[in-house]
Amino acid sequence: YYGQIMLATTAHIGNYGVHKDEFDSDSIKISGLVCKNFSDFQSRPSA
């Protein structure tokens, strides 16, 4: 996805946070994000 702006069609982004074992490279590769709802908090205890 390098060099692309990601448009997420799912309604909620960020709701389960970020986990260290779920990265697919060493850094974010998209150039930007467009979404409907960006969650103010995450609800996953292991995040």
All heavy atoms as atom14 arrays in JSON, in Angstrom:
{
  "sequence": "YYGQIMLATTAHIGNYGVHKDEFDSDSIKISGLVCKNFSDFQSRPSA",
  "atom14_mask": [
    [1, 1, 1, 1, 1, 1, 1, 1, 1, 1, 1, 1, 0, 0],
    [1, 1, 1, 1, 1, 1, 1, 1, 1, 1, 1, 1, 0, 0],
    [1, 1, 1, 1, 0, 0, 0, 0, 0, 0, 0, 0, 0, 0],
    [1, 1, 1, 1, 1, 1, 1, 1, 1, 0, 0, 0, 0, 0],
    [1, 1, 1, 1, 1, 1, 1, 1, 0, 0, 0, 0, 0, 0],
    [1, 1, 1, 1, 1, 1, 1, 1, 0, 0, 0, 0, 0, 0],
    [1, 1, 1, 1, 1, 1, 1, 1, 0, 0, 0, 0, 0, 0],
    [1, 1, 1, 1, 1, 0, 0, 0, 0, 0, 0, 0, 0, 0],
    [1, 1, 1, 1, 1, 1, 1, 0, 0, 0, 0, 0, 0, 0],
    [1, 1, 1, 1, 1, 1, 1, 0, 0, 0, 0, 0, 0, 0],
    [1, 1, 1, 1, 1, 0, 0, 0, 0, 0, 0, 0, 0, 0],
    [1, 1, 1, 1, 1, 1, 1, 1, 1, 1, 0, 0, 0, 0],
    [1, 1, 1, 1, 1, 1, 1, 1, 0, 0, 0, 0, 0, 0],
    [1, 1, 1, 1, 0, 0, 0, 0, 0, 0, 0, 0, 0, 0],
    [1, 1, 1, 1, 1, 1, 1, 1, 0, 0, 0, 0, 0, 0],
    [1, 1, 1, 1, 1, 1, 1, 1, 1, 1, 1, 1, 0, 0],
    [1, 1, 1, 1, 0, 0, 0, 0, 0, 0, 0, 0, 0, 0],
    [1, 1, 1, 1, 1, 1, 1, 0, 0, 0, 0, 0, 0, 0],
    [1, 1, 1, 1, 1, 1, 1, 1, 1, 1, 0, 0, 0, 0],
    [1, 1, 1, 1, 1, 1, 1, 1, 1, 0, 0, 0, 0, 0],
    [1, 1, 1, 1, 1, 1, 1, 1, 0, 0, 0, 0, 0, 0],
    [1, 1, 1, 1, 1, 1, 1, 1, 1, 0, 0, 0, 0, 0],
    [1, 1, 1, 1, 1, 1, 1, 1, 1, 1, 1, 0, 0, 0],
    [1, 1, 1, 1, 1, 1, 1, 1, 0, 0, 0, 0, 0, 0],
    [1, 1, 1, 1, 1, 1, 0, 0, 0, 0, 0, 0, 0, 0],
    [1, 1, 1, 1, 1, 1, 1, 1, 0, 0, 0, 0, 0, 0],
    [1, 1, 1, 1, 1, 1, 0, 0, 0, 0, 0, 0, 0, 0],
    [1, 1, 1, 1, 1, 1, 1, 1, 0, 0, 0, 0, 0, 0],
    [1, 1, 1, 1, 1, 1, 1, 1, 1, 0, 0, 0, 0, 0],
    [1, 1, 1, 1, 1, 1, 1, 1, 0, 0, 0, 0, 0, 0],
    [1, 1, 1, 1, 1, 1, 0, 0, 0, 0, 0, 0, 0, 0],
    [1, 1, 1, 1, 0, 0, 0, 0, 0, 0, 0, 0, 0, 0],
    [1, 1, 1, 1, 1, 1, 1, 1, 0, 0, 0, 0, 0, 0],
    [1, 1, 1, 1, 1, 1, 1, 0, 0, 0, 0, 0, 0, 0],
    [1, 1, 1, 1, 1, 1, 0, 0, 0, 0, 0, 0, 0, 0],
    [1, 1, 1, 1, 1, 1, 1, 1, 1, 0, 0, 0, 0, 0],
    [1, 1, 1, 1, 1, 1, 1, 1, 0, 0, 0, 0, 0, 0],
    [1, 1, 1, 1, 1, 1, 1, 1, 1, 1, 1, 0, 0, 0],
    [1, 1, 1, 1, 1, 1, 0, 0, 0, 0, 0, 0, 0, 0],
    [1, 1, 1, 1, 1, 1, 1, 1, 0, 0, 0, 0, 0, 0],
    [1, 1, 1, 1, 1, 1, 1, 1, 1, 1, 1, 0, 0, 0],
    [1, 1, 1, 1, 1, 1, 1, 1, 1, 0, 0, 0, 0, 0],
    [1, 1, 1, 1, 1, 1, 0, 0, 0, 0, 0, 0, 0, 0],
    [1, 1, 1, 1, 1, 1, 1, 1, 1, 1, 1, 0, 0, 0],
    [1, 1, 1, 1, 1, 1, 1, 0, 0, 0, 0, 0, 0, 0],
    [1, 1, 1, 1, 1, 1, 0, 0, 0, 0, 0, 0, 0, 0],
    [1, 1, 1, 1, 1, 0, 0, 0, 0, 0, 0, 0, 0, 0]
  ],
  "atom14_positions": [
    [[0.81, -1.22, 0.0], [0.0, 0.0, 0.0], [0.85, 1.27, 0.0], [0.31, 2.37, 0.13], [-0.92, 0.02, 1.22], [-2.16, -0.83, 1.07], [-2.42, -1.87, 1.96], [-3.07, -0.61, 0.04], [-3.55, -2.65, 1.83], [-4.2, -1.38, -0.09], [-4.44, -2.4, 0.8], [-5.55, -3.18, 0.67], [0.0, 0.0, 0.0], [0.0, 0.0, 0.0]],
    [[2.15, 1.12, -0.15], [3.03, 2.3, -0.11], [2.59, 3.32, -1.17], [2.35, 2.98, -2.33], [4.47, 1.89, -0.36], [5.46, 3.04, -0.25], [5.99, 3.4, 0.97], [5.82, 3.78, -1.37], [6.89, 4.46, 1.09], [6.72, 4.84, -1.27], [7.24, 5.18, -0.04], [8.12, 6.23, 0.06], [0.0, 0.0, 0.0], [0.0, 0.0, 0.0]],
    [[2.48, 4.59, -0.74], [2.13, 5.65, -1.67], [0.64, 5.79, -1.93], [0.24, 6.53, -2.82], [0.0, 0.0, 0.0], [0.0, 0.0, 0.0], [0.0, 0.0, 0.0], [0.0, 0.0, 0.0], [0.0, 0.0, 0.0], [0.0, 0.0, 0.0], [0.0, 0.0, 0.0], [0.0, 0.0, 0.0], [0.0, 0.0, 0.0], [0.0, 0.0, 0.0]],
    [[-0.19, 5.1, -1.13], [-1.63, 5.17, -1.35], [-2.36, 5.71, -0.13], [-1.98, 5.45, 1.01], [-2.17, 3.77, -1.7], [-1.68, 3.28, -3.06], [-2.19, 1.9, -3.39], [-1.93, 0.95, -2.66], [-2.91, 1.77, -4.48], [0.0, 0.0, 0.0], [0.0, 0.0, 0.0], [0.0, 0.0, 0.0], [0.0, 0.0, 0.0], [0.0, 0.0, 0.0]],
    [[-3.42, 6.46, -0.39], [-4.33, 6.9, 0.66], [-5.38, 5.81, 0.81], [-6.02, 5.41, -0.17], [-4.99, 8.24, 0.3], [-3.94, 9.35, 0.23], [-6.08, 8.58, 1.31], [-4.48, 10.66, -0.33], [0.0, 0.0, 0.0], [0.0, 0.0, 0.0], [0.0, 0.0, 0.0], [0.0, 0.0, 0.0], [0.0, 0.0, 0.0], [0.0, 0.0, 0.0]],
    [[-5.53, 5.3, 2.02], [-6.46, 4.21, 2.26], [-7.83, 4.74, 2.65], [-7.96, 5.52, 3.6], [-5.92, 3.29, 3.37], [-6.88, 2.2, 3.81], [-7.53, 1.2, 2.46], [-6.01, 0.61, 1.74], [0.0, 0.0, 0.0], [0.0, 0.0, 0.0], [0.0, 0.0, 0.0], [0.0, 0.0, 0.0], [0.0, 0.0, 0.0], [0.0, 0.0, 0.0]],
    [[-8.83, 4.32, 1.92], [-10.22, 4.6, 2.24], [-10.81, 3.33, 2.85], [-10.92, 2.31, 2.17], [-10.99, 5.01, 0.98], [-12.52, 5.02, 1.06], [-13.0, 6.01, 2.13], [-13.12, 5.37, -0.3], [0.0, 0.0, 0.0], [0.0, 0.0, 0.0], [0.0, 0.0, 0.0], [0.0, 0.0, 0.0], [0.0, 0.0, 0.0], [0.0, 0.0, 0.0]],
    [[-11.16, 3.38, 4.13], [-11.7, 2.21, 4.83], [-13.22, 2.21, 4.67], [-13.89, 3.19, 5.03], [-11.32, 2.25, 6.3], [0.0, 0.0, 0.0], [0.0, 0.0, 0.0], [0.0, 0.0, 0.0], [0.0, 0.0, 0.0], [0.0, 0.0, 0.0], [0.0, 0.0, 0.0], [0.0, 0.0, 0.0], [0.0, 0.0, 0.0], [0.0, 0.0, 0.0]],
    [[-13.77, 1.12, 4.14], [-15.22, 1.06, 3.96], [-15.94, 0.6, 5.22], [-17.13, 0.84, 5.36], [-15.59, 0.11, 2.81], [-15.19, -1.22, 3.13], [-14.93, 0.55, 1.51], [0.0, 0.0, 0.0], [0.0, 0.0, 0.0], [0.0, 0.0, 0.0], [0.0, 0.0, 0.0], [0.0, 0.0, 0.0], [0.0, 0.0, 0.0], [0.0, 0.0, 0.0]],
    [[-15.23, -0.09, 6.13], [-15.87, -0.47, 7.39], [-16.13, 0.76, 8.24], [-15.4, 1.76, 8.15], [-15.0, -1.5, 8.15], [-15.74, -2.01, 9.25], [-13.71, -0.87, 8.66], [0.0, 0.0, 0.0], [0.0, 0.0, 0.0], [0.0, 0.0, 0.0], [0.0, 0.0, 0.0], [0.0, 0.0, 0.0], [0.0, 0.0, 0.0], [0.0, 0.0, 0.0]],
    [[-17.18, 0.71, 9.05], [-17.63, 1.93, 9.74], [-16.7, 2.41, 10.84], [-16.62, 3.61, 11.11], [-19.03, 1.7, 10.31], [0.0, 0.0, 0.0], [0.0, 0.0, 0.0], [0.0, 0.0, 0.0], [0.0, 0.0, 0.0], [0.0, 0.0, 0.0], [0.0, 0.0, 0.0], [0.0, 0.0, 0.0], [0.0, 0.0, 0.0], [0.0, 0.0, 0.0]],
    [[-16.0, 1.48, 11.51], [-15.2, 1.86, 12.68], [-13.74, 1.46, 12.49], [-13.43, 0.32, 12.15], [-15.73, 1.18, 13.94], [-17.14, 1.58, 14.28], [-17.44, 2.76, 14.91], [-18.32, 0.95, 14.05], [-18.75, 2.85, 15.06], [-19.3, 1.76, 14.54], [0.0, 0.0, 0.0], [0.0, 0.0, 0.0], [0.0, 0.0, 0.0], [0.0, 0.0, 0.0]],
    [[-12.84, 2.4, 12.72], [-11.4, 2.17, 12.64], [-10.78, 2.55, 13.98], [-11.07, 3.62, 14.52], [-10.76, 3.0, 11.5], [-11.22, 2.48, 10.15], [-9.24, 2.97, 11.59], [-10.76, 1.07, 9.82], [0.0, 0.0, 0.0], [0.0, 0.0, 0.0], [0.0, 0.0, 0.0], [0.0, 0.0, 0.0], [0.0, 0.0, 0.0], [0.0, 0.0, 0.0]],
    [[-9.93, 1.67, 14.5], [-9.23, 1.96, 15.75], [-9.88, 1.39, 16.98], [-9.33, 1.51, 18.08], [0.0, 0.0, 0.0], [0.0, 0.0, 0.0], [0.0, 0.0, 0.0], [0.0, 0.0, 0.0], [0.0, 0.0, 0.0], [0.0, 0.0, 0.0], [0.0, 0.0, 0.0], [0.0, 0.0, 0.0], [0.0, 0.0, 0.0], [0.0, 0.0, 0.0]],
    [[-11.03, 0.72, 16.84], [-11.79, 0.3, 18.01], [-11.12, -0.79, 18.83], [-11.42, -0.94, 20.01], [-13.2, -0.15, 17.61], [-13.21, -1.1, 16.43], [-12.58, -0.84, 15.42], [-13.91, -2.2, 16.56], [0.0, 0.0, 0.0], [0.0, 0.0, 0.0], [0.0, 0.0, 0.0], [0.0, 0.0, 0.0], [0.0, 0.0, 0.0], [0.0, 0.0, 0.0]],
    [[-10.18, -1.55, 18.23], [-9.5, -2.58, 19.03], [-8.0, -2.3, 19.16], [-7.23, -3.16, 19.56], [-9.75, -3.99, 18.47], [-9.37, -4.22, 17.02], [-8.05, -4.51, 16.67], [-10.33, -4.18, 16.02], [-7.71, -4.73, 15.35], [-9.99, -4.41, 14.7], [-8.68, -4.69, 14.36], [-8.33, -4.91, 13.05], [0.0, 0.0, 0.0], [0.0, 0.0, 0.0]],
    [[-7.6, -1.08, 18.87], [-6.23, -0.67, 19.13], [-5.19, -1.3, 18.25], [-5.48, -1.77, 17.15], [0.0, 0.0, 0.0], [0.0, 0.0, 0.0], [0.0, 0.0, 0.0], [0.0, 0.0, 0.0], [0.0, 0.0, 0.0], [0.0, 0.0, 0.0], [0.0, 0.0, 0.0], [0.0, 0.0, 0.0], [0.0, 0.0, 0.0], [0.0, 0.0, 0.0]],
    [[-3.95, -1.33, 18.74], [-2.8, -1.84, 18.0], [-2.06, -2.84, 18.88], [-1.86, -2.6, 20.07], [-1.84, -0.68, 17.61], [-0.56, -1.21, 17.0], [-2.54, 0.28, 16.64], [0.0, 0.0, 0.0], [0.0, 0.0, 0.0], [0.0, 0.0, 0.0], [0.0, 0.0, 0.0], [0.0, 0.0, 0.0], [0.0, 0.0, 0.0], [0.0, 0.0, 0.0]],
    [[-1.65, -3.97, 18.27], [-0.94, -5.02, 18.99], [0.4, -5.28, 18.31], [0.48, -5.36, 17.08], [-1.78, -6.3, 19.02], [-1.3, -7.32, 20.0], [-0.16, -8.08, 19.8], [-1.8, -7.7, 21.21], [0.01, -8.88, 20.82], [-0.97, -8.68, 21.7], [0.0, 0.0, 0.0], [0.0, 0.0, 0.0], [0.0, 0.0, 0.0], [0.0, 0.0, 0.0]],
    [[1.45, -5.44, 19.09], [2.81, -5.57, 18.56], [2.99, -6.79, 17.67], [3.91, -6.82, 16.84], [3.83, -5.6, 19.7], [3.65, -6.75, 20.68], [4.69, -6.7, 21.8], [4.47, -7.77, 22.85], [4.49, -9.13, 22.32], [0.0, 0.0, 0.0], [0.0, 0.0, 0.0], [0.0, 0.0, 0.0], [0.0, 0.0, 0.0], [0.0, 0.0, 0.0]],
    [[2.17, -7.82, 17.82], [2.34, -9.03, 17.03], [1.56, -9.02, 15.72], [1.54, -10.02, 15.0], [1.88, -10.25, 17.86], [2.79, -10.51, 19.04], [3.99, -10.16, 18.95], [2.3, -11.06, 20.05], [0.0, 0.0, 0.0], [0.0, 0.0, 0.0], [0.0, 0.0, 0.0], [0.0, 0.0, 0.0], [0.0, 0.0, 0.0], [0.0, 0.0, 0.0]],
    [[0.92, -7.9, 15.41], [0.06, -7.86, 14.23], [0.53, -6.89, 13.15], [-0.22, -6.55, 12.23], [-1.38, -7.53, 14.66], [-1.98, -8.64, 15.51], [-3.29, -8.27, 16.17], [-3.77, -7.13, 15.96], [-3.85, -9.11, 16.89], [0.0, 0.0, 0.0], [0.0, 0.0, 0.0], [0.0, 0.0, 0.0], [0.0, 0.0, 0.0], [0.0, 0.0, 0.0]],
    [[1.79, -6.46, 13.24], [2.34, -5.62, 12.19], [2.78, -6.49, 11.01], [3.27, -7.6, 11.2], [3.56, -4.84, 12.7], [3.24, -3.87, 13.8], [3.72, -4.05, 15.08], [2.46, -2.76, 13.54], [3.42, -3.15, 16.09], [2.14, -1.85, 14.54], [2.63, -2.05, 15.82], [0.0, 0.0, 0.0], [0.0, 0.0, 0.0], [0.0, 0.0, 0.0]],
    [[2.63, -5.98, 9.79], [3.1, -6.72, 8.62], [4.34, -6.1, 8.0], [4.79, -6.52, 6.94], [1.98, -6.83, 7.57], [1.47, -8.26, 7.46], [2.31, -9.18, 7.57], [0.27, -8.47, 7.26], [0.0, 0.0, 0.0], [0.0, 0.0, 0.0], [0.0, 0.0, 0.0], [0.0, 0.0, 0.0], [0.0, 0.0, 0.0], [0.0, 0.0, 0.0]],
    [[4.91, -5.11, 8.67], [6.21, -4.54, 8.3], [6.66, -3.7, 9.49], [6.0, -3.66, 10.53], [6.11, -3.7, 7.02], [5.38, -2.51, 7.25], [0.0, 0.0, 0.0], [0.0, 0.0, 0.0], [0.0, 0.0, 0.0], [0.0, 0.0, 0.0], [0.0, 0.0, 0.0], [0.0, 0.0, 0.0], [0.0, 0.0, 0.0], [0.0, 0.0, 0.0]],
    [[7.77, -3.0, 9.32], [8.34, -2.25, 10.43], [7.74, -0.86, 10.63], [8.12, -0.14, 11.55], [9.86, -2.14, 10.27], [10.25, -1.43, 8.98], [9.35, -1.06, 8.19], [11.46, -1.24, 8.74], [0.0, 0.0, 0.0], [0.0, 0.0, 0.0], [0.0, 0.0, 0.0], [0.0, 0.0, 0.0], [0.0, 0.0, 0.0], [0.0, 0.0, 0.0]],
    [[6.8, -0.45, 9.77], [6.24, 0.89, 9.88], [4.95, 1.0, 9.08], [4.62, 0.12, 8.28], [7.24, 1.94, 9.37], [7.49, 1.75, 7.98], [0.0, 0.0, 0.0], [0.0, 0.0, 0.0], [0.0, 0.0, 0.0], [0.0, 0.0, 0.0], [0.0, 0.0, 0.0], [0.0, 0.0, 0.0], [0.0, 0.0, 0.0], [0.0, 0.0, 0.0]],
    [[4.22, 2.09, 9.28], [3.02, 2.37, 8.48], [3.45, 2.65, 7.05], [4.41, 3.38, 6.8], [2.27, 3.59, 9.05], [1.73, 3.28, 10.44], [1.13, 4.0, 8.12], [1.09, 4.46, 11.13], [0.0, 0.0, 0.0], [0.0, 0.0, 0.0], [0.0, 0.0, 0.0], [0.0, 0.0, 0.0], [0.0, 0.0, 0.0], [0.0, 0.0, 0.0]],
    [[2.75, 2.07, 6.1], [3.1, 2.23, 4.69], [2.11, 3.07, 3.9], [2.45, 3.6, 2.84], [3.25, 0.85, 4.02], [4.44, 0.05, 4.57], [5.75, 0.77, 4.38], [6.99, -0.06, 4.72], [7.11, -0.4, 6.14], [0.0, 0.0, 0.0], [0.0, 0.0, 0.0], [0.0, 0.0, 0.0], [0.0, 0.0, 0.0], [0.0, 0.0, 0.0]],
    [[0.86, 3.18, 4.37], [-0.08, 4.04, 3.67], [0.36, 5.49, 3.84], [1.06, 5.84, 4.8], [-1.52, 3.86, 4.18], [-1.62, 4.19, 5.68], [-2.01, 2.44, 3.89], [-3.07, 4.23, 6.19], [0.0, 0.0, 0.0], [0.0, 0.0, 0.0], [0.0, 0.0, 0.0], [0.0, 0.0, 0.0], [0.0, 0.0, 0.0], [0.0, 0.0, 0.0]],
    [[-0.05, 6.35, 2.91], [0.34, 7.76, 3.01], [-0.69, 8.59, 3.77], [-0.41, 9.72, 4.19], [0.56, 8.35, 1.62], [-0.62, 8.27, 0.84], [0.0, 0.0, 0.0], [0.0, 0.0, 0.0], [0.0, 0.0, 0.0], [0.0, 0.0, 0.0], [0.0, 0.0, 0.0], [0.0, 0.0, 0.0], [0.0, 0.0, 0.0], [0.0, 0.0, 0.0]],
    [[-1.91, 8.05, 3.94], [-2.94, 8.75, 4.68], [-4.17, 7.86, 4.81], [-4.28, 6.83, 4.13], [0.0, 0.0, 0.0], [0.0, 0.0, 0.0], [0.0, 0.0, 0.0], [0.0, 0.0, 0.0], [0.0, 0.0, 0.0], [0.0, 0.0, 0.0], [0.0, 0.0, 0.0], [0.0, 0.0, 0.0], [0.0, 0.0, 0.0], [0.0, 0.0, 0.0]],
    [[-5.1, 8.25, 5.69], [-6.3, 7.45, 5.93], [-7.55, 8.31, 5.84], [-7.57, 9.44, 6.33], [-6.24, 6.81, 7.33], [-7.52, 6.09, 7.79], [-7.76, 4.84, 6.96], [-7.45, 5.75, 9.28], [0.0, 0.0, 0.0], [0.0, 0.0, 0.0], [0.0, 0.0, 0.0], [0.0, 0.0, 0.0], [0.0, 0.0, 0.0], [0.0, 0.0, 0.0]],
    [[-8.59, 7.74, 5.21], [-9.91, 8.34, 5.17], [-10.88, 7.31, 5.74], [-10.88, 6.15, 5.3], [-10.32, 8.72, 3.74], [-11.75, 9.23, 3.71], [-9.36, 9.75, 3.15], [0.0, 0.0, 0.0], [0.0, 0.0, 0.0], [0.0, 0.0, 0.0], [0.0, 0.0, 0.0], [0.0, 0.0, 0.0], [0.0, 0.0, 0.0], [0.0, 0.0, 0.0]],
    [[-11.7, 7.69, 6.71], [-12.62, 6.74, 7.33], [-13.9, 7.44, 7.79], [-14.0, 8.67, 7.76], [-11.96, 6.02, 8.49], [-11.46, 7.1, 9.86], [0.0, 0.0, 0.0], [0.0, 0.0, 0.0], [0.0, 0.0, 0.0], [0.0, 0.0, 0.0], [0.0, 0.0, 0.0], [0.0, 0.0, 0.0], [0.0, 0.0, 0.0], [0.0, 0.0, 0.0]],
    [[-14.86, 6.63, 8.21], [-16.13, 7.16, 8.73], [-15.98, 7.53, 10.2], [-16.15, 8.68, 10.59], [-17.24, 6.12, 8.54], [-18.59, 6.54, 9.11], [-19.12, 7.78, 8.41], [-20.51, 8.14, 8.96], [-21.0, 9.41, 8.37], [0.0, 0.0, 0.0], [0.0, 0.0, 0.0], [0.0, 0.0, 0.0], [0.0, 0.0, 0.0], [0.0, 0.0, 0.0]],
    [[-15.68, 6.54, 11.04], [-15.53, 6.78, 12.48], [-14.15, 6.34, 12.95], [-13.79, 5.17, 12.79], [-16.59, 6.0, 13.26], [-18.0, 6.42, 12.91], [-18.34, 7.6, 13.02], [-18.82, 5.47, 12.48], [0.0, 0.0, 0.0], [0.0, 0.0, 0.0], [0.0, 0.0, 0.0], [0.0, 0.0, 0.0], [0.0, 0.0, 0.0], [0.0, 0.0, 0.0]],
    [[-13.39, 7.24, 13.52], [-12.08, 6.94, 14.09], [-12.26, 6.88, 15.6], [-12.57, 7.88, 16.24], [-11.07, 8.01, 13.7], [-9.64, 7.64, 13.99], [-8.85, 7.07, 13.02], [-9.1, 7.88, 15.24], [-7.53, 6.73, 13.27], [-7.77, 7.54, 15.52], [-6.99, 6.95, 14.52], [0.0, 0.0, 0.0], [0.0, 0.0, 0.0], [0.0, 0.0, 0.0]],
    [[-12.1, 5.69, 16.18], [-12.41, 5.49, 17.59], [-11.48, 6.29, 18.49], [-10.26, 6.28, 18.32], [-12.31, 3.99, 17.94], [-13.3, 3.27, 17.27], [0.0, 0.0, 0.0], [0.0, 0.0, 0.0], [0.0, 0.0, 0.0], [0.0, 0.0, 0.0], [0.0, 0.0, 0.0], [0.0, 0.0, 0.0], [0.0, 0.0, 0.0], [0.0, 0.0, 0.0]],
    [[-12.08, 6.96, 19.48], [-11.32, 7.74, 20.43], [-10.57, 6.87, 21.43], [-9.66, 7.31, 22.11], [-12.24, 8.67, 21.22], [-12.93, 9.69, 20.32], [-12.58, 9.73, 19.13], [-13.8, 10.42, 20.81], [0.0, 0.0, 0.0], [0.0, 0.0, 0.0], [0.0, 0.0, 0.0], [0.0, 0.0, 0.0], [0.0, 0.0, 0.0], [0.0, 0.0, 0.0]],
    [[-10.96, 5.59, 21.54], [-10.33, 4.69, 22.5], [-10.38, 3.28, 21.93], [-11.08, 3.0, 20.96], [-11.05, 4.74, 23.85], [-12.5, 4.36, 23.77], [-12.91, 3.04, 23.92], [-13.47, 5.32, 23.5], [-14.24, 2.69, 23.83], [-14.81, 4.96, 23.4], [-15.19, 3.66, 23.56], [0.0, 0.0, 0.0], [0.0, 0.0, 0.0], [0.0, 0.0, 0.0]],
    [[-9.61, 2.38, 22.54], [-9.63, 0.98, 22.12], [-10.15, 0.11, 23.26], [-9.96, 0.44, 24.42], [-8.23, 0.54, 21.66], [-7.13, 0.67, 22.69], [-7.08, -0.5, 23.65], [-7.64, -1.55, 23.38], [-6.38, -0.31, 24.77], [0.0, 0.0, 0.0], [0.0, 0.0, 0.0], [0.0, 0.0, 0.0], [0.0, 0.0, 0.0], [0.0, 0.0, 0.0]],
    [[-10.78, -1.0, 22.9], [-11.45, -1.82, 23.91], [-10.82, -3.19, 24.11], [-11.37, -4.01, 24.84], [-12.92, -2.0, 23.53], [-13.03, -2.61, 22.25], [0.0, 0.0, 0.0], [0.0, 0.0, 0.0], [0.0, 0.0, 0.0], [0.0, 0.0, 0.0], [0.0, 0.0, 0.0], [0.0, 0.0, 0.0], [0.0, 0.0, 0.0], [0.0, 0.0, 0.0]],
    [[-9.68, -3.46, 23.46], [-9.05, -4.78, 23.6], [-8.02, -4.75, 24.73], [-7.04, -3.99, 24.65], [-8.38, -5.17, 22.28], [-7.75, -6.56, 22.31], [-7.33, -7.05, 20.94], [-6.46, -6.13, 20.23], [-5.69, -6.49, 19.19], [-5.7, -7.76, 18.78], [-4.93, -5.61, 18.58], [0.0, 0.0, 0.0], [0.0, 0.0, 0.0], [0.0, 0.0, 0.0]],
    [[-8.18, -5.56, 25.74], [-7.25, -5.53, 26.88], [-5.8, -5.81, 26.49], [-4.88, -5.28, 27.13], [-7.79, -6.64, 27.8], [-9.23, -6.75, 27.45], [-9.32, -6.48, 25.98], [0.0, 0.0, 0.0], [0.0, 0.0, 0.0], [0.0, 0.0, 0.0], [0.0, 0.0, 0.0], [0.0, 0.0, 0.0], [0.0, 0.0, 0.0], [0.0, 0.0, 0.0]],
    [[-5.57, -6.62, 25.45], [-4.21, -6.98, 25.09], [-3.53, -5.97, 24.17], [-2.35, -6.12, 23.85], [-4.19, -8.35, 24.41], [-4.91, -8.31, 23.18], [0.0, 0.0, 0.0], [0.0, 0.0, 0.0], [0.0, 0.0, 0.0], [0.0, 0.0, 0.0], [0.0, 0.0, 0.0], [0.0, 0.0, 0.0], [0.0, 0.0, 0.0], [0.0, 0.0, 0.0]],
    [[-4.24, -4.92, 23.77], [-3.65, -3.92, 22.88], [-2.5, -3.19, 23.56], [-2.52, -2.94, 24.77], [-4.71, -2.92, 22.43], [0.0, 0.0, 0.0], [0.0, 0.0, 0.0], [0.0, 0.0, 0.0], [0.0, 0.0, 0.0], [0.0, 0.0, 0.0], [0.0, 0.0, 0.0], [0.0, 0.0, 0.0], [0.0, 0.0, 0.0], [0.0, 0.0, 0.0]]
  ]
}
